[in-house]
N, C-alpha and C. Protein backbone atom coordinates (compact mmCIF):
# COMPACT_ATOMS: atom_id res chain seq x y z
N MET A 1 4.46 -15.69 0.74
CA MET A 1 5.71 -14.84 0.71
C MET A 1 5.17 -13.38 1.94
N PHE A 2 3.81 -13.24 1.43
CA PHE A 2 3.38 -11.98 2.94
C PHE A 2 3.15 -12.57 3.97
N SER A 3 3.39 -12.15 4.63
CA SER A 3 3.36 -12.45 6.17
C SER A 3 3.42 -11.24 7.41
N PRO A 4 2.59 -11.41 8.40
CA PRO A 4 3.25 -10.29 9.22
C PRO A 4 4.09 -10.61 10.27
N ILE A 5 5.09 -9.92 10.82
CA ILE A 5 6.54 -9.71 11.27
C ILE A 5 6.15 -9.15 12.75
N LYS A 6 7.29 -10.04 13.23
CA LYS A 6 7.19 -9.36 14.71
C LYS A 6 7.58 -7.53 15.08
N VAL A 7 8.01 -7.11 16.02
CA VAL A 7 7.96 -6.03 16.27
C VAL A 7 9.70 -5.94 15.99
N LYS A 8 10.02 -6.63 16.94
CA LYS A 8 11.57 -6.62 16.77
C LYS A 8 12.38 -7.41 15.60
N ASP A 9 11.88 -8.49 14.54
CA ASP A 9 11.87 -8.13 13.16
C ASP A 9 11.63 -7.22 12.17
N ASN A 10 10.68 -5.94 12.86
CA ASN A 10 9.96 -4.95 11.93
C ASN A 10 11.28 -3.64 12.27
N LEU A 11 12.20 -3.85 13.69
CA LEU A 11 12.49 -3.16 14.21
C LEU A 11 14.05 -2.93 12.92
N ILE A 12 15.00 -4.36 12.87
CA ILE A 12 15.71 -4.98 12.52
C ILE A 12 15.51 -4.79 10.84
N LEU A 13 14.23 -4.75 10.45
CA LEU A 13 14.13 -3.98 9.15
C LEU A 13 14.36 -2.60 8.41
N ARG A 14 13.60 -1.98 9.32
CA ARG A 14 14.00 -0.23 9.57
C ARG A 14 15.49 -0.07 10.01
N GLU A 15 16.33 -0.40 10.09
CA GLU A 15 17.82 -0.16 10.48
C GLU A 15 18.35 -0.36 9.56
N GLY A 16 17.99 -1.88 8.80
CA GLY A 16 19.04 -2.02 7.15
C GLY A 16 18.08 -0.70 6.07
N PHE A 17 16.78 -0.33 5.81
CA PHE A 17 16.64 0.94 5.27
C PHE A 17 17.09 2.26 5.88
N SER A 18 17.89 2.05 7.20
CA SER A 18 18.46 3.46 7.27
C SER A 18 17.37 4.40 7.86
N ILE A 19 16.05 3.90 8.39
CA ILE A 19 14.95 4.40 8.81
C ILE A 19 14.92 4.95 9.98
N PRO A 20 15.52 5.96 10.28
CA PRO A 20 15.07 6.79 12.29
C PRO A 20 14.28 6.01 12.70
N ALA A 21 14.56 5.85 14.10
CA ALA A 21 13.42 5.33 15.45
C ALA A 21 12.32 6.11 14.52
N GLY A 22 11.31 5.71 15.10
CA GLY A 22 10.14 6.78 15.58
C GLY A 22 9.40 7.57 14.70
N LYS A 23 9.60 6.89 13.07
CA LYS A 23 9.02 7.36 11.55
C LYS A 23 8.10 6.38 11.64
N ILE A 24 6.77 7.00 10.95
CA ILE A 24 5.63 6.36 10.18
C ILE A 24 5.91 6.83 8.69
N ILE A 25 6.23 4.96 8.55
CA ILE A 25 6.03 4.61 7.40
C ILE A 25 4.75 4.21 6.37
N ILE A 26 4.67 5.48 5.42
CA ILE A 26 4.06 4.71 4.18
C ILE A 26 4.03 4.11 3.80
N GLY A 27 4.12 3.00 2.69
CA GLY A 27 4.68 2.29 1.38
C GLY A 27 4.13 2.75 0.50
N SER A 28 4.79 2.94 -0.84
CA SER A 28 4.15 2.68 -2.16
C SER A 28 5.38 1.96 -3.37
N TYR A 29 4.33 0.42 -4.19
CA TYR A 29 5.28 0.28 -4.39
C TYR A 29 5.25 -0.88 -5.54
N GLN A 30 4.85 0.29 -6.43
CA GLN A 30 4.63 0.42 -7.85
C GLN A 30 5.12 0.93 -9.08
N LYS A 31 4.74 1.20 -10.31
CA LYS A 31 5.25 2.20 -10.80
C LYS A 31 4.45 3.40 -11.38
N ASP A 32 4.97 4.29 -11.35
CA ASP A 32 3.35 5.31 -11.43
C ASP A 32 4.43 6.82 -11.99
N GLY A 33 5.36 6.23 -13.00
CA GLY A 33 5.93 7.39 -13.99
C GLY A 33 5.36 6.41 -15.48
N ASN A 34 5.43 7.51 -16.27
CA ASN A 34 5.07 6.99 -17.46
C ASN A 34 6.71 6.92 -18.38
N GLY A 35 6.89 5.48 -18.88
CA GLY A 35 7.91 5.37 -19.39
C GLY A 35 8.88 4.40 -18.66
N TRP A 36 9.78 4.32 -19.10
CA TRP A 36 10.96 3.34 -18.29
C TRP A 36 12.00 3.88 -17.92
N GLY A 37 11.69 5.37 -17.86
CA GLY A 37 13.36 6.29 -17.85
C GLY A 37 12.84 6.15 -16.08
N GLU A 38 13.71 7.90 -15.77
CA GLU A 38 13.37 7.73 -14.21
C GLU A 38 12.12 8.42 -14.01
N GLY A 39 11.07 8.44 -15.07
CA GLY A 39 9.21 8.44 -14.58
C GLY A 39 9.17 9.90 -14.04
N LEU A 40 10.01 11.26 -14.53
CA LEU A 40 9.44 12.08 -14.17
C LEU A 40 8.25 13.21 -14.84
N GLU A 41 7.54 12.25 -15.48
CA GLU A 41 6.38 12.42 -15.95
C GLU A 41 5.24 11.52 -15.01
N PRO A 42 4.08 11.91 -14.50
CA PRO A 42 3.59 11.25 -13.88
C PRO A 42 2.58 10.35 -14.25
N LYS A 43 2.30 8.91 -14.11
CA LYS A 43 0.94 8.02 -14.72
C LYS A 43 0.13 8.37 -14.40
N LEU A 44 -1.44 9.44 -14.64
CA LEU A 44 -2.00 10.27 -13.35
C LEU A 44 -2.95 8.96 -13.17
N ILE A 45 -3.17 8.04 -13.50
CA ILE A 45 -4.29 6.82 -13.65
C ILE A 45 -4.11 6.38 -12.26
N LYS A 46 -2.47 5.86 -11.83
CA LYS A 46 -1.94 5.65 -10.66
C LYS A 46 -2.02 6.56 -9.39
N GLY A 47 -2.19 7.71 -10.40
CA GLY A 47 -2.54 9.17 -8.76
C GLY A 47 -1.42 9.42 -7.82
N PRO A 48 -0.12 8.94 -8.76
CA PRO A 48 0.82 9.75 -7.81
C PRO A 48 0.40 10.82 -7.33
N ASP A 49 -0.06 11.96 -8.08
CA ASP A 49 -0.61 13.33 -7.25
C ASP A 49 -1.04 13.34 -6.40
N ILE A 50 -2.29 12.47 -6.53
CA ILE A 50 -2.98 12.02 -5.13
C ILE A 50 -2.31 11.92 -4.02
N PHE A 51 -1.23 10.76 -4.26
CA PHE A 51 -0.35 10.24 -3.23
C PHE A 51 -0.09 11.55 -2.04
N CYS A 52 1.34 11.99 -3.23
CA CYS A 52 2.24 13.23 -3.04
C CYS A 52 1.40 13.82 -1.60
N ASP A 53 0.43 14.58 -2.69
CA ASP A 53 -0.58 15.66 -1.87
C ASP A 53 -1.29 14.75 -0.75
N VAL A 54 -1.39 13.64 -0.39
CA VAL A 54 -1.86 12.79 0.87
C VAL A 54 -0.40 13.25 1.77
N VAL A 55 0.37 12.51 1.43
CA VAL A 55 1.98 12.11 1.99
C VAL A 55 2.11 13.66 2.71
N GLU A 56 1.85 14.88 1.94
CA GLU A 56 2.34 16.21 2.16
C GLU A 56 1.63 16.61 3.55
N SER A 57 0.44 16.22 3.21
CA SER A 57 -0.64 17.13 4.00
C SER A 57 -0.01 15.95 5.95
N LEU A 58 0.07 14.49 5.60
CA LEU A 58 0.61 14.13 6.94
C LEU A 58 1.12 14.61 7.51
N ALA A 59 2.33 14.76 6.39
CA ALA A 59 3.81 15.43 6.66
C ALA A 59 3.48 16.27 7.99
N LYS A 60 2.61 17.13 7.89
CA LYS A 60 2.50 18.85 8.38
C LYS A 60 1.83 18.21 10.41
N THR A 61 1.66 17.34 10.64
CA THR A 61 1.43 16.60 12.17
C THR A 61 2.17 14.90 12.56
N LYS A 62 2.77 14.80 11.42
CA LYS A 62 3.06 13.63 11.78
C LYS A 62 4.60 13.37 11.14
N ASP A 63 5.54 12.01 11.77
CA ASP A 63 6.88 11.97 11.36
C ASP A 63 6.71 10.84 10.42
N ILE A 64 6.58 11.57 9.43
CA ILE A 64 6.54 10.30 8.21
C ILE A 64 7.40 10.16 7.23
N PHE A 65 7.85 8.98 6.82
CA PHE A 65 8.97 8.62 5.79
C PHE A 65 8.16 7.23 4.88
N VAL A 66 8.70 7.64 3.99
CA VAL A 66 7.96 6.90 2.75
C VAL A 66 8.87 6.11 2.11
N LEU A 67 8.78 4.83 2.06
CA LEU A 67 9.57 3.72 1.48
C LEU A 67 8.48 3.36 0.19
N LEU A 68 9.36 3.48 -1.04
CA LEU A 68 9.36 3.01 -2.61
C LEU A 68 10.58 1.80 -3.14
N THR A 69 9.50 1.56 -3.87
CA THR A 69 9.90 0.35 -5.10
C THR A 69 9.20 0.78 -5.93
N GLY A 70 9.59 0.06 -7.06
CA GLY A 70 9.31 0.15 -8.61
C GLY A 70 10.03 1.05 -9.45
N PRO A 71 9.92 0.68 -11.04
CA PRO A 71 10.61 1.61 -11.57
C PRO A 71 10.00 2.98 -12.03
N ALA A 72 10.26 3.97 -12.85
CA ALA A 72 9.95 5.20 -13.22
C ALA A 72 9.54 5.72 -11.67
N ARG A 73 9.93 5.89 -10.40
CA ARG A 73 9.56 6.60 -9.61
C ARG A 73 9.96 8.18 -9.51
N GLY A 74 10.43 8.96 -10.73
CA GLY A 74 11.09 10.76 -9.90
C GLY A 74 9.73 11.21 -9.80
N TYR A 75 8.93 11.01 -10.55
CA TYR A 75 7.75 12.11 -10.27
C TYR A 75 8.24 12.47 -8.30
N VAL A 76 7.40 11.11 -8.04
CA VAL A 76 6.91 10.90 -6.68
C VAL A 76 8.28 11.85 -5.70
N LYS A 77 9.83 11.13 -6.03
CA LYS A 77 11.12 10.89 -5.47
C LYS A 77 11.52 13.01 -5.61
N MET A 78 10.33 13.44 -6.63
CA MET A 78 10.64 15.09 -6.78
C MET A 78 10.15 15.47 -5.72
N ARG A 79 8.85 15.14 -5.83
CA ARG A 79 7.32 15.86 -4.55
C ARG A 79 8.39 15.67 -3.26
N LEU A 80 8.92 14.77 -3.27
CA LEU A 80 9.11 14.29 -1.49
C LEU A 80 10.27 15.29 -1.68
N GLU A 81 11.02 14.96 -2.35
CA GLU A 81 12.80 16.26 -1.54
C GLU A 81 11.99 17.94 -1.50
N ARG A 82 11.45 17.75 -2.36
CA ARG A 82 10.86 19.29 -2.86
C ARG A 82 9.93 19.87 -1.19
N ALA A 83 8.86 18.68 -0.69
CA ALA A 83 8.76 18.74 0.25
C ALA A 83 9.23 18.65 1.82
N GLY A 84 10.55 18.12 1.52
CA GLY A 84 11.17 17.92 2.91
C GLY A 84 11.02 16.65 3.12
N ILE A 85 10.41 15.26 2.51
CA ILE A 85 9.82 13.68 3.30
C ILE A 85 11.16 13.16 3.11
N PRO A 86 11.30 12.33 3.91
CA PRO A 86 12.53 11.96 3.62
C PRO A 86 11.60 10.21 2.93
N TYR A 87 12.51 9.49 2.30
CA TYR A 87 12.42 8.35 1.38
C TYR A 87 13.24 7.46 1.54
N HIS A 88 13.21 6.35 1.09
CA HIS A 88 14.53 5.25 0.68
C HIS A 88 13.68 5.11 -0.44
N HIS A 89 14.28 4.88 -1.44
CA HIS A 89 13.90 4.21 -2.72
C HIS A 89 14.78 2.58 -3.59
N ASP A 90 14.60 1.23 -3.60
CA ASP A 90 14.98 0.88 -4.12
C ASP A 90 14.19 0.40 -5.62
N PHE A 91 15.05 -0.31 -6.20
CA PHE A 91 14.73 -0.64 -7.85
C PHE A 91 14.98 -1.84 -7.24
N LEU A 92 13.91 -2.84 -7.42
CA LEU A 92 13.82 -4.78 -6.93
C LEU A 92 14.47 -5.18 -8.64
N LYS A 93 15.68 -6.42 -8.46
CA LYS A 93 15.41 -7.17 -9.16
C LYS A 93 14.93 -8.04 -9.48
N ASN A 94 14.54 -8.56 -8.05
CA ASN A 94 13.44 -10.03 -7.90
C ASN A 94 11.93 -9.35 -7.23
N PRO A 95 10.88 -9.41 -8.05
CA PRO A 95 9.92 -8.49 -7.83
C PRO A 95 9.46 -9.58 -6.14
N HIS A 96 9.61 -10.53 -5.97
CA HIS A 96 9.30 -11.20 -4.39
C HIS A 96 9.94 -10.60 -3.60
N GLU A 97 11.20 -9.85 -3.91
CA GLU A 97 11.72 -9.07 -2.36
C GLU A 97 10.35 -8.20 -2.01
N VAL A 98 9.67 -7.69 -2.82
CA VAL A 98 8.88 -6.99 -2.33
C VAL A 98 7.86 -6.64 -0.62
N ALA A 99 8.32 -7.96 -0.75
CA ALA A 99 7.08 -8.78 0.57
C ALA A 99 8.18 -8.27 2.04
N THR A 100 9.62 -7.78 1.71
CA THR A 100 10.70 -7.79 2.72
C THR A 100 9.90 -6.47 2.78
N TYR A 101 9.45 -5.27 1.76
CA TYR A 101 9.20 -3.94 2.12
C TYR A 101 7.88 -3.51 3.00
N TYR A 102 7.20 -4.78 2.85
CA TYR A 102 5.73 -4.36 3.66
C TYR A 102 6.13 -4.65 4.81
N LYS A 103 6.59 -5.76 5.63
CA LYS A 103 6.73 -6.33 6.47
C LYS A 103 7.37 -4.65 7.37
N ALA A 104 8.03 -4.04 7.01
CA ALA A 104 8.37 -2.47 7.33
C ALA A 104 7.74 -1.31 7.14
N THR A 105 6.36 -1.65 6.26
CA THR A 105 5.46 -0.58 6.49
C THR A 105 4.46 -0.17 7.69
N ASP A 106 4.30 0.94 8.06
CA ASP A 106 2.86 0.85 8.82
C ASP A 106 1.73 1.01 8.20
N LEU A 107 2.10 1.52 6.78
CA LEU A 107 0.02 2.15 5.81
C LEU A 107 0.36 2.46 4.60
N TYR A 108 -0.24 1.11 4.02
CA TYR A 108 -0.41 1.24 2.94
C TYR A 108 -1.47 2.16 2.28
N VAL A 109 -0.68 2.94 0.83
CA VAL A 109 -2.37 4.31 0.48
C VAL A 109 -2.02 3.80 -1.31
N VAL A 110 -3.66 3.02 -1.81
CA VAL A 110 -3.49 3.29 -3.10
C VAL A 110 -4.60 4.52 -3.38
N ALA A 111 -4.09 5.22 -4.54
CA ALA A 111 -4.41 6.34 -4.46
C ALA A 111 -5.10 6.59 -5.88
N SER A 112 -5.00 5.41 -6.52
CA SER A 112 -5.12 5.32 -7.84
C SER A 112 -6.53 6.12 -8.91
N ARG A 113 -6.91 6.54 -9.48
CA ARG A 113 -7.79 6.59 -10.49
C ARG A 113 -8.22 5.23 -10.98
N GLU A 114 -7.18 4.87 -11.61
CA GLU A 114 -7.45 3.08 -12.51
C GLU A 114 -6.98 2.18 -11.57
N GLU A 115 -7.48 1.11 -11.72
CA GLU A 115 -6.64 0.01 -11.20
C GLU A 115 -7.42 -1.78 -11.76
N GLY A 116 -6.12 -2.39 -12.06
CA GLY A 116 -7.28 -3.80 -12.53
C GLY A 116 -7.13 -4.16 -11.46
N GLY A 117 -6.38 -4.45 -10.21
CA GLY A 117 -6.22 -4.86 -9.15
C GLY A 117 -7.11 -4.11 -8.06
N ALA A 118 -6.15 -3.45 -6.81
CA ALA A 118 -4.46 -2.92 -7.13
C ALA A 118 -4.21 -4.17 -6.15
N LYS A 119 -3.52 -5.26 -6.92
CA LYS A 119 -2.36 -6.41 -5.97
C LYS A 119 -2.11 -5.85 -4.29
N GLN A 120 -1.59 -4.42 -4.25
CA GLN A 120 -1.21 -4.21 -3.13
C GLN A 120 -1.94 -4.16 -1.49
N ILE A 121 -3.44 -4.22 -2.12
CA ILE A 121 -4.70 -4.32 -1.53
C ILE A 121 -4.35 -5.78 -0.76
N LEU A 122 -4.45 -6.78 -1.30
CA LEU A 122 -4.03 -8.01 -0.40
C LEU A 122 -2.84 -8.31 0.39
N GLU A 123 -1.60 -7.98 -0.70
CA GLU A 123 -0.28 -7.81 -0.63
C GLU A 123 -0.14 -7.88 1.12
N SER A 124 -1.29 -6.01 1.40
CA SER A 124 -0.88 -5.00 2.72
C SER A 124 -1.53 -6.10 3.44
N MET A 125 -3.02 -6.54 3.74
CA MET A 125 -3.68 -7.56 4.53
C MET A 125 -3.04 -8.40 4.88
N ALA A 126 -2.48 -9.80 3.92
CA ALA A 126 -1.40 -10.73 4.12
C ALA A 126 -0.19 -9.93 5.49
N SER A 127 0.37 -8.61 4.80
CA SER A 127 1.58 -8.83 5.74
C SER A 127 0.80 -8.56 7.02
N GLY A 128 -0.06 -7.84 7.16
CA GLY A 128 -0.32 -7.61 8.38
C GLY A 128 -0.80 -6.04 8.52
N ILE A 129 -0.52 -5.38 6.92
CA ILE A 129 -0.89 -3.81 7.23
C ILE A 129 -1.53 -2.93 6.55
N PRO A 130 -2.60 -2.36 7.18
CA PRO A 130 -3.84 -1.39 7.07
C PRO A 130 -3.70 -0.80 5.54
N VAL A 131 -4.45 -1.03 4.91
CA VAL A 131 -4.60 -0.67 3.71
C VAL A 131 -5.77 0.16 3.60
N ILE A 132 -5.31 1.90 2.69
CA ILE A 132 -6.08 2.78 2.74
C ILE A 132 -6.30 2.38 1.11
N SER A 133 -7.72 2.97 0.40
CA SER A 133 -7.53 2.73 -1.09
C SER A 133 -8.76 3.62 -2.21
N THR A 134 -8.52 4.22 -2.73
CA THR A 134 -9.56 4.64 -3.55
C THR A 134 -10.50 3.96 -4.12
N CYS A 135 -11.78 3.99 -4.79
CA CYS A 135 -12.78 2.44 -5.06
C CYS A 135 -12.79 2.47 -6.78
N VAL A 136 -10.97 1.50 -6.75
CA VAL A 136 -10.76 1.23 -7.82
C VAL A 136 -10.56 -0.13 -7.97
N GLY A 137 -10.74 -0.95 -9.25
CA GLY A 137 -10.59 -2.44 -9.13
C GLY A 137 -11.01 -3.28 -8.52
N MET A 138 -10.52 -3.77 -7.69
CA MET A 138 -10.85 -4.64 -7.08
C MET A 138 -11.55 -4.57 -5.65
N ALA A 139 -11.05 -3.13 -4.93
CA ALA A 139 -11.18 -2.42 -3.97
C ALA A 139 -12.58 -2.66 -3.17
N PRO A 140 -13.63 -2.08 -4.26
CA PRO A 140 -14.53 -2.61 -3.24
C PRO A 140 -15.48 -3.75 -3.27
N ASP A 141 -14.85 -4.85 -3.52
CA ASP A 141 -14.87 -6.00 -3.69
C ASP A 141 -14.26 -6.64 -2.21
N VAL A 142 -13.20 -5.95 -2.16
CA VAL A 142 -12.09 -7.01 -1.20
C VAL A 142 -12.50 -6.07 0.74
N ILE A 143 -12.71 -4.40 0.27
CA ILE A 143 -12.18 -3.72 1.28
C ILE A 143 -14.00 -3.25 2.19
N VAL A 144 -14.30 -3.62 3.31
CA VAL A 144 -15.45 -3.00 4.00
C VAL A 144 -14.62 -2.07 4.93
N ASP A 145 -15.41 -1.11 4.66
CA ASP A 145 -14.74 0.68 5.09
C ASP A 145 -15.21 0.52 6.49
N ARG A 146 -14.40 0.38 7.17
CA ARG A 146 -13.65 0.53 9.05
C ARG A 146 -13.85 -0.87 9.30
N GLU A 147 -13.85 -1.99 8.40
CA GLU A 147 -13.61 -3.44 9.26
C GLU A 147 -12.13 -4.11 9.09
N ASN A 148 -12.19 -4.14 7.99
CA ASN A 148 -11.20 -4.65 6.98
C ASN A 148 -9.74 -3.57 6.52
N GLY A 149 -10.06 -2.26 6.62
CA GLY A 149 -9.37 -1.31 5.69
C GLY A 149 -10.32 -0.08 5.71
N PHE A 150 -9.72 0.62 4.74
CA PHE A 150 -10.48 1.63 4.49
C PHE A 150 -11.06 2.25 3.22
N ILE A 151 -12.22 2.75 2.90
CA ILE A 151 -12.03 2.79 1.00
C ILE A 151 -12.69 4.28 1.34
N THR A 152 -12.09 4.73 0.02
CA THR A 152 -12.49 6.52 -0.30
C THR A 152 -12.94 6.69 -1.80
N LYS A 153 -13.60 7.35 -2.00
CA LYS A 153 -14.10 7.88 -3.59
C LYS A 153 -13.14 8.28 -4.21
N VAL A 154 -12.28 7.99 -5.67
CA VAL A 154 -11.13 8.67 -6.37
C VAL A 154 -11.39 10.13 -6.47
N GLU A 155 -9.62 10.31 -5.71
CA GLU A 155 -9.95 11.57 -6.12
C GLU A 155 -9.64 12.34 -4.94
N ASP A 156 -10.29 11.53 -3.86
CA ASP A 156 -11.11 12.08 -2.60
C ASP A 156 -9.73 12.52 -1.46
N LYS A 157 -9.42 13.58 -1.91
CA LYS A 157 -8.34 13.68 -0.73
C LYS A 157 -8.10 14.05 0.36
N GLU A 158 -9.28 14.28 0.67
CA GLU A 158 -9.51 15.15 2.32
C GLU A 158 -9.61 13.48 2.80
N ALA A 159 -10.82 12.63 2.34
CA ALA A 159 -11.12 11.16 2.94
C ALA A 159 -9.48 10.91 2.94
N LEU A 160 -8.52 10.68 2.13
CA LEU A 160 -7.55 9.77 2.35
C LEU A 160 -6.54 10.70 3.89
N ILE A 161 -6.88 11.48 3.79
CA ILE A 161 -5.77 11.97 4.46
C ILE A 161 -6.75 12.12 6.57
N ARG A 162 -7.88 12.03 6.47
CA ARG A 162 -8.86 11.69 7.13
C ARG A 162 -8.64 10.78 7.89
N LYS A 163 -8.88 9.69 7.15
CA LYS A 163 -8.62 8.27 7.71
C LYS A 163 -7.62 7.86 7.33
N ALA A 164 -6.47 8.00 6.90
CA ALA A 164 -5.09 7.51 7.29
C ALA A 164 -4.70 8.57 9.13
N ILE A 165 -5.25 9.25 9.47
CA ILE A 165 -5.10 9.72 10.38
C ILE A 165 -5.83 9.23 11.87
N LEU A 166 -6.60 8.81 11.34
CA LEU A 166 -7.90 8.22 12.56
C LEU A 166 -6.84 6.15 12.45
N ILE A 167 -6.38 5.78 11.26
CA ILE A 167 -6.16 5.01 11.90
C ILE A 167 -4.26 4.82 12.35
N LEU A 168 -3.72 5.86 12.09
CA LEU A 168 -2.51 5.63 12.97
C LEU A 168 -2.51 6.69 14.17
N GLU A 169 -3.61 6.56 14.87
CA GLU A 169 -3.93 6.86 15.92
C GLU A 169 -5.24 6.42 16.83
N ASP A 170 -5.80 6.02 16.00
CA ASP A 170 -6.83 4.75 16.78
C ASP A 170 -6.29 3.26 16.59
N LYS A 171 -5.35 2.83 18.44
CA LYS A 171 -4.47 2.06 18.44
C LYS A 171 -5.81 0.42 18.27
N LYS A 172 -6.62 0.69 18.68
CA LYS A 172 -7.47 -0.21 19.16
C LYS A 172 -8.14 -0.56 17.74
N LEU A 173 -8.49 0.37 16.62
CA LEU A 173 -9.44 0.17 15.15
C LEU A 173 -8.24 -0.16 14.26
N ARG A 174 -6.87 0.41 14.59
CA ARG A 174 -5.72 -0.62 14.01
C ARG A 174 -5.60 -1.83 13.94
N LYS A 175 -5.53 -2.34 14.97
CA LYS A 175 -5.08 -3.64 15.80
C LYS A 175 -6.67 -4.93 14.92
N ASP A 176 -7.85 -4.26 14.95
CA ASP A 176 -9.12 -4.70 14.21
C ASP A 176 -8.73 -5.23 13.43
N ILE A 177 -8.58 -3.53 12.15
CA ILE A 177 -8.28 -4.24 10.64
C ILE A 177 -7.43 -4.57 10.60
N ILE A 178 -6.19 -4.65 11.04
CA ILE A 178 -4.92 -5.67 10.59
C ILE A 178 -5.96 -7.23 10.98
N ASN A 179 -6.52 -7.70 11.69
CA ASN A 179 -6.47 -8.48 12.34
C ASN A 179 -7.81 -9.17 10.95
N ASN A 180 -9.04 -8.65 10.95
CA ASN A 180 -10.01 -8.80 10.07
C ASN A 180 -9.63 -8.45 8.36
N GLY A 181 -8.31 -7.84 8.30
CA GLY A 181 -7.44 -8.05 6.78
C GLY A 181 -7.06 -9.11 6.65
N LEU A 182 -6.47 -9.72 7.84
CA LEU A 182 -5.79 -11.76 7.80
C LEU A 182 -6.58 -12.46 7.37
N ASN A 183 -7.87 -11.73 8.17
CA ASN A 183 -8.84 -12.83 7.93
C ASN A 183 -9.59 -12.95 6.75
N THR A 184 -9.90 -11.82 6.14
CA THR A 184 -10.28 -11.63 4.50
C THR A 184 -9.34 -12.50 3.63
N VAL A 185 -8.06 -11.92 3.97
CA VAL A 185 -6.85 -12.53 2.29
C VAL A 185 -7.14 -13.98 2.63
N LYS A 186 -7.42 -14.59 3.77
CA LYS A 186 -7.61 -16.47 3.34
C LYS A 186 -7.94 -16.73 2.31
N SER A 187 -9.57 -15.77 2.06
CA SER A 187 -10.14 -16.65 1.18
C SER A 187 -9.60 -16.17 -0.56
N TYR A 188 -8.21 -15.48 0.01
CA TYR A 188 -7.88 -15.21 -1.78
C TYR A 188 -6.51 -15.86 -1.72
N ASP A 189 -6.69 -17.08 -1.53
CA ASP A 189 -5.42 -18.07 -1.10
C ASP A 189 -5.82 -18.76 -3.12
N TRP A 190 -4.68 -18.98 -3.24
CA TRP A 190 -4.28 -19.54 -4.63
C TRP A 190 -5.79 -20.65 -4.81
N LYS A 191 -5.06 -21.41 -3.88
CA LYS A 191 -5.72 -22.97 -3.84
C LYS A 191 -7.31 -22.57 -3.88
N ILE A 192 -8.18 -21.97 -2.96
CA ILE A 192 -9.40 -21.42 -3.18
C ILE A 192 -9.73 -20.83 -4.25
N ILE A 193 -8.77 -19.87 -5.12
CA ILE A 193 -9.27 -19.30 -6.37
C ILE A 193 -9.06 -20.13 -7.02
N ALA A 194 -8.71 -20.81 -7.14
CA ALA A 194 -8.06 -21.83 -8.41
C ALA A 194 -9.59 -22.62 -8.48
N SER A 195 -9.84 -23.37 -7.54
CA SER A 195 -11.23 -24.06 -6.72
C SER A 195 -12.02 -23.68 -7.63
N GLN A 196 -12.52 -22.43 -6.99
CA GLN A 196 -13.52 -21.72 -7.62
C GLN A 196 -13.96 -21.15 -9.30
N TYR A 197 -12.16 -20.96 -9.41
CA TYR A 197 -12.42 -21.02 -11.29
C TYR A 197 -12.95 -22.13 -11.84
N TYR A 198 -12.25 -23.56 -11.27
CA TYR A 198 -12.68 -24.13 -12.07
C TYR A 198 -14.59 -24.89 -12.08
N GLU A 199 -15.04 -24.75 -10.54
CA GLU A 199 -16.22 -25.08 -10.63
C GLU A 199 -16.79 -23.91 -10.96
N LYS A 200 -16.98 -22.47 -10.78
CA LYS A 200 -17.79 -22.30 -11.91
C LYS A 200 -17.25 -21.41 -12.78
N ILE A 201 -16.44 -22.25 -13.59
CA ILE A 201 -16.44 -21.90 -15.53
C ILE A 201 -15.87 -22.67 -16.00
N TYR A 202 -14.84 -23.80 -15.83
CA TYR A 202 -14.37 -24.64 -16.40
C TYR A 202 -15.08 -25.75 -16.32
N LYS A 203 -15.74 -26.39 -15.09
CA LYS A 203 -16.13 -27.17 -15.10
C LYS A 203 -16.83 -27.77 -16.48
N GLU A 204 -18.20 -26.82 -16.41
CA GLU A 204 -18.70 -27.36 -17.63
C GLU A 204 -18.53 -27.45 -19.29
N LEU A 205 -17.67 -26.51 -19.44
CA LEU A 205 -16.16 -27.09 -20.61
C LEU A 205 -16.11 -28.31 -20.50
N VAL A 206 -15.38 -29.36 -19.18
CA VAL A 206 -14.17 -30.31 -19.54
C VAL A 206 -15.11 -31.56 -19.74
């Protein structure tokens, strides 16, 4: 489901989301509000406050548009509206549809304080999208800083902002990170992971 997209098709997707031409699209495809209502109370382990701080800072010098999916995104939407940052939010009935949203994205930011994944790291790489993540969950195992993505300390907003600007402005670095990410994610294909689980864990028990 997750794969890179041609520039022509990317532009068509953006039109479908009513995103004006020339916008830099930052993606956030998760649940980061407490409960299953509007989500006005932030789920702080997911770092929605940090995400919004980063986006607001970037919007001072970049033409930012935020693309959102997932339930309980009220806090993020409130912050974006208050800052005057345009966004589009969809609640997806089929979670597989999120792959389409990656294909319209320029940059993915994982700003979490804690994670079990985050699966968005692998999804971004497989979609040919540069990803910046705090040092949570699988991030330090998957991301090699400045090679296939960017990684920062938890709650280091300045580093997230600085690295986001770098990846948006340095075209060669961006291209290298995308290509290296695509190579990295191949080793996380389910067939490979399943085989490793069998060989290293289950084989001796059978």
